[in-house]
Amino acid sequence: MRIRNRRRADDRGQVALEYIGFVAILLLVGLAAIQLGVAAYAVNQAGTGARAAARAASLDDPRAGEARLDPVAAGTAAVSGWLSPKVSPAGSGGDGVTYTVTIKIPSVIPGISDFGTATRTSTMPKLQPHT
């Protein structure tokens, strides 16, 4: 009986230490999954902003007598405000207009601040002016 009691006393706290190590790994995996979701959301928002900016630029008809749409403002408004997009024209040659949106991917993992940028480009055909 004495040997059995001594072994139990030596193992006290082992489960608690293993649990703490497992919880730390589990939290890291959870944060990585959330970071992946944030990155995917940033890419999606960059595409939405690029399409909105290109659409606004394609609708611009100076002869229509209506107020001109600002493509940069349209692209910025289409993206969630906390992402701070950079909207810029990428060309307007021929029958289409192209806009690019770049968003810095935010970090949710402590100690890692740079996950790069999400960049999307969209081209829309210019609408023919009404005659």
C-alpha atoms as a PDB file:
ATOM      1  CA  MET A   1       0.000   0.000   0.000  1.00  0.00           C
ATOM      2  CA  ARG A   2       2.803   2.411   0.773  1.00  0.00           C
ATOM      3  CA  ILE A   3       4.258   2.130  -2.737  1.00  0.00           C
ATOM      4  CA  ARG A   4       0.900   2.876  -4.331  1.00  0.00           C
ATOM      5  CA  ASN A   5       0.393   6.015  -2.207  1.00  0.00           C
ATOM      6  CA  ARG A   6       3.894   7.264  -2.950  1.00  0.00           C
ATOM      7  CA  ARG A   7       3.330   7.030  -6.725  1.00  0.00           C
ATOM      8  CA  ARG A   8       0.124   9.022  -6.501  1.00  0.00           C
ATOM      9  CA  ALA A   9       1.879  11.760  -4.544  1.00  0.00           C
ATOM     10  CA  ASP A  10       4.635  11.992  -7.173  1.00  0.00           C
ATOM     11  CA  ASP A  11       2.119  12.434 -10.024  1.00  0.00           C
ATOM     12  CA  ARG A  12       0.210  15.298  -8.431  1.00  0.00           C
ATOM     13  CA  GLY A  13      -0.062  18.317 -10.716  1.00  0.00           C
ATOM     14  CA  GLN A  14       0.988  16.486 -13.867  1.00  0.00           C
ATOM     15  CA  VAL A  15      -2.470  16.684 -15.420  1.00  0.00           C
ATOM     16  CA  ALA A  16      -2.679  20.406 -14.683  1.00  0.00           C
ATOM     17  CA  LEU A  17       0.627  21.067 -16.448  1.00  0.00           C
ATOM     18  CA  GLU A  18      -0.409  19.004 -19.462  1.00  0.00           C
ATOM     19  CA  TYR A  19      -3.729  20.860 -19.584  1.00  0.00           C
ATOM     20  CA  ILE A  20      -2.000  24.263 -19.557  1.00  0.00           C
ATOM     21  CA  GLY A  21       0.251  23.215 -22.450  1.00  0.00           C
ATOM     22  CA  PHE A  22      -2.714  21.905 -24.435  1.00  0.00           C
ATOM     23  CA  VAL A  23      -4.752  25.075 -23.881  1.00  0.00           C
ATOM     24  CA  ALA A  24      -1.865  27.220 -25.148  1.00  0.00           C
ATOM     25  CA  ILE A  25      -1.629  25.176 -28.352  1.00  0.00           C
ATOM     26  CA  LEU A  26      -5.402  25.247 -28.752  1.00  0.00           C
ATOM     27  CA  LEU A  27      -5.456  29.045 -28.409  1.00  0.00           C
ATOM     28  CA  LEU A  28      -2.699  29.411 -31.009  1.00  0.00           C
ATOM     29  CA  VAL A  29      -4.584  27.212 -33.481  1.00  0.00           C
ATOM     30  CA  GLY A  30      -7.766  29.207 -32.821  1.00  0.00           C
ATOM     31  CA  LEU A  31      -6.012  32.517 -33.449  1.00  0.00           C
ATOM     32  CA  ALA A  32      -4.514  31.147 -36.671  1.00  0.00           C
ATOM     33  CA  ALA A  33      -8.006  30.166 -37.872  1.00  0.00           C
ATOM     34  CA  ILE A  34      -9.356  33.619 -37.042  1.00  0.00           C
ATOM     35  CA  GLN A  35      -6.384  35.222 -38.844  1.00  0.00           C
ATOM     36  CA  LEU A  36      -7.143  33.158 -41.932  1.00  0.00           C
ATOM     37  CA  GLY A  37     -10.742  34.385 -41.828  1.00  0.00           C
ATOM     38  CA  VAL A  38      -9.647  38.026 -41.474  1.00  0.00           C
ATOM     39  CA  ALA A  39      -7.293  37.639 -44.450  1.00  0.00           C
ATOM     40  CA  ALA A  40     -10.058  36.121 -46.587  1.00  0.00           C
ATOM     41  CA  TYR A  41     -12.413  38.939 -45.555  1.00  0.00           C
ATOM     42  CA  ALA A  42      -9.800  41.553 -46.537  1.00  0.00           C
ATOM     43  CA  VAL A  43      -9.390  39.939 -49.976  1.00  0.00           C
ATOM     44  CA  ASN A  44     -13.169  39.869 -50.439  1.00  0.00           C
ATOM     45  CA  GLN A  45     -13.491  43.514 -49.436  1.00  0.00           C
ATOM     46  CA  ALA A  46     -10.683  44.532 -51.806  1.00  0.00           C
ATOM     47  CA  GLY A  47     -12.578  42.907 -54.688  1.00  0.00           C
ATOM     48  CA  THR A  48     -15.804  44.637 -53.690  1.00  0.00           C
ATOM     49  CA  GLY A  49     -14.087  48.023 -53.516  1.00  0.00           C
ATOM     50  CA  ALA A  50     -12.380  47.541 -56.888  1.00  0.00           C
ATOM     51  CA  ARG A  51     -15.678  46.625 -58.560  1.00  0.00           C
ATOM     52  CA  ALA A  52     -17.478  49.603 -57.000  1.00  0.00           C
ATOM     53  CA  ALA A  53     -14.765  52.043 -58.087  1.00  0.00           C
ATOM     54  CA  ALA A  54     -14.622  50.688 -61.643  1.00  0.00           C
ATOM     55  CA  ARG A  55     -18.430  50.730 -61.883  1.00  0.00           C
ATOM     56  CA  ALA A  56     -18.565  54.356 -60.727  1.00  0.00           C
ATOM     57  CA  ALA A  57     -15.911  55.334 -63.268  1.00  0.00           C
ATOM     58  CA  SER A  58     -17.685  53.464 -66.074  1.00  0.00           C
ATOM     59  CA  LEU A  59     -20.936  55.336 -65.407  1.00  0.00           C
ATOM     60  CA  ASP A  60     -19.247  58.715 -65.645  1.00  0.00           C
ATOM     61  CA  ASP A  61     -20.785  60.555 -68.599  1.00  0.00           C
ATOM     62  CA  PRO A  62     -19.770  64.226 -68.726  1.00  0.00           C
ATOM     63  CA  ARG A  63     -22.473  64.986 -71.324  1.00  0.00           C
ATOM     64  CA  ALA A  64     -25.318  63.624 -69.219  1.00  0.00           C
ATOM     65  CA  GLY A  65     -25.480  66.775 -67.116  1.00  0.00           C
ATOM     66  CA  GLU A  66     -25.566  64.784 -63.878  1.00  0.00           C
ATOM     67  CA  ALA A  67     -23.161  65.035 -60.989  1.00  0.00           C
ATOM     68  CA  ARG A  68     -19.973  63.099 -61.570  1.00  0.00           C
ATOM     69  CA  LEU A  69     -19.403  60.051 -59.420  1.00  0.00           C
ATOM     70  CA  ASP A  70     -16.078  59.885 -57.623  1.00  0.00           C
ATOM     71  CA  PRO A  71     -14.692  56.368 -58.209  1.00  0.00           C
ATOM     72  CA  VAL A  72     -12.236  56.605 -55.307  1.00  0.00           C
ATOM     73  CA  ALA A  73     -15.021  57.603 -52.911  1.00  0.00           C
ATOM     74  CA  ALA A  74     -17.270  54.818 -54.247  1.00  0.00           C
ATOM     75  CA  GLY A  75     -14.530  52.219 -53.821  1.00  0.00           C
ATOM     76  CA  THR A  76     -13.701  53.441 -50.317  1.00  0.00           C
ATOM     77  CA  ALA A  77     -17.369  53.473 -49.277  1.00  0.00           C
ATOM     78  CA  ALA A  78     -17.841  49.883 -50.470  1.00  0.00           C
ATOM     79  CA  VAL A  79     -15.161  48.583 -48.072  1.00  0.00           C
ATOM     80  CA  SER A  80     -15.558  48.238 -44.297  1.00  0.00           C
ATOM     81  CA  GLY A  81     -14.156  51.346 -42.657  1.00  0.00           C
ATOM     82  CA  TRP A  82     -11.766  49.540 -40.293  1.00  0.00           C
ATOM     83  CA  LEU A  83      -9.799  48.119 -43.241  1.00  0.00           C
ATOM     84  CA  SER A  84      -8.575  51.484 -44.641  1.00  0.00           C
ATOM     85  CA  PRO A  85      -8.440  50.713 -48.384  1.00  0.00           C
ATOM     86  CA  LYS A  86      -6.191  52.424 -50.943  1.00  0.00           C
ATOM     87  CA  VAL A  87      -8.168  52.935 -54.158  1.00  0.00           C
ATOM     88  CA  SER A  88      -6.306  53.934 -57.314  1.00  0.00           C
ATOM     89  CA  PRO A  89      -6.952  53.952 -61.051  1.00  0.00           C
ATOM     90  CA  ALA A  90      -5.043  51.281 -62.916  1.00  0.00           C
ATOM     91  CA  GLY A  91      -5.828  52.430 -66.432  1.00  0.00           C
ATOM     92  CA  SER A  92      -8.658  53.469 -68.689  1.00  0.00           C
ATOM     93  CA  GLY A  93      -7.500  52.569 -72.142  1.00  0.00           C
ATOM     94  CA  GLY A  94      -9.954  51.549 -74.815  1.00  0.00           C
ATOM     95  CA  ASP A  95     -13.495  50.693 -73.891  1.00  0.00           C
ATOM     96  CA  GLY A  96     -12.973  50.042 -70.190  1.00  0.00           C
ATOM     97  CA  VAL A  97     -11.807  51.528 -66.909  1.00  0.00           C
ATOM     98  CA  THR A  98      -9.706  49.655 -64.367  1.00  0.00           C
ATOM     99  CA  TYR A  99      -9.332  50.333 -60.637  1.00  0.00           C
ATOM    100  CA  THR A 100      -7.179  48.635 -58.031  1.00  0.00           C
ATOM    101  CA  VAL A 101      -7.842  48.408 -54.295  1.00  0.00           C
ATOM    102  CA  THR A 102      -5.103  47.488 -51.820  1.00  0.00           C
ATOM    103  CA  ILE A 103      -5.841  46.642 -48.186  1.00  0.00           C
ATOM    104  CA  LYS A 104      -3.271  45.890 -45.463  1.00  0.00           C
ATOM    105  CA  ILE A 105      -4.359  42.650 -43.805  1.00  0.00           C
ATOM    106  CA  PRO A 106      -4.892  43.314 -40.083  1.00  0.00           C
ATOM    107  CA  SER A 107      -3.298  40.997 -37.520  1.00  0.00           C
ATOM    108  CA  VAL A 108      -5.090  39.277 -34.651  1.00  0.00           C
ATOM    109  CA  ILE A 109      -2.040  37.279 -33.538  1.00  0.00           C
ATOM    110  CA  PRO A 110       0.036  39.090 -30.900  1.00  0.00           C
ATOM    111  CA  GLY A 111       3.636  39.705 -31.912  1.00  0.00           C
ATOM    112  CA  ILE A 112       3.041  39.327 -35.645  1.00  0.00           C
ATOM    113  CA  SER A 113       2.053  42.591 -37.282  1.00  0.00           C
ATOM    114  CA  ASP A 114       2.657  42.059 -40.993  1.00  0.00           C
ATOM    115  CA  PHE A 115       0.508  39.652 -42.972  1.00  0.00           C
ATOM    116  CA  GLY A 116       0.970  41.528 -46.232  1.00  0.00           C
ATOM    117  CA  THR A 117      -1.659  43.159 -48.380  1.00  0.00           C
ATOM    118  CA  ALA A 118      -4.705  42.083 -50.314  1.00  0.00           C
ATOM    119  CA  THR A 119      -4.872  43.615 -53.808  1.00  0.00           C
ATOM    120  CA  ARG A 120      -7.700  43.228 -56.270  1.00  0.00           C
ATOM    121  CA  THR A 121      -8.239  44.851 -59.663  1.00  0.00           C
ATOM    122  CA  SER A 122     -11.499  45.226 -61.551  1.00  0.00           C
ATOM    123  CA  THR A 123     -12.276  46.402 -65.076  1.00  0.00           C
ATOM    124  CA  MET A 124     -15.679  47.628 -66.206  1.00  0.00           C
ATOM    125  CA  PRO A 125     -16.690  48.576 -69.736  1.00  0.00           C
ATOM    126  CA  LYS A 126     -17.427  52.249 -70.352  1.00  0.00           C
ATOM    127  CA  LEU A 127     -21.058  52.857 -71.014  1.00  0.00           C
ATOM    128  CA  GLN A 128     -21.859  54.565 -74.291  1.00  0.00           C
ATOM    129  CA  PRO A 129     -23.176  58.117 -73.828  1.00  0.00           C
ATOM    130  CA  HIS A 130     -26.854  58.719 -74.456  1.00  0.00           C
ATOM    131  CA  THR A 131     -27.551  60.625 -77.653  1.00  0.00           C
END
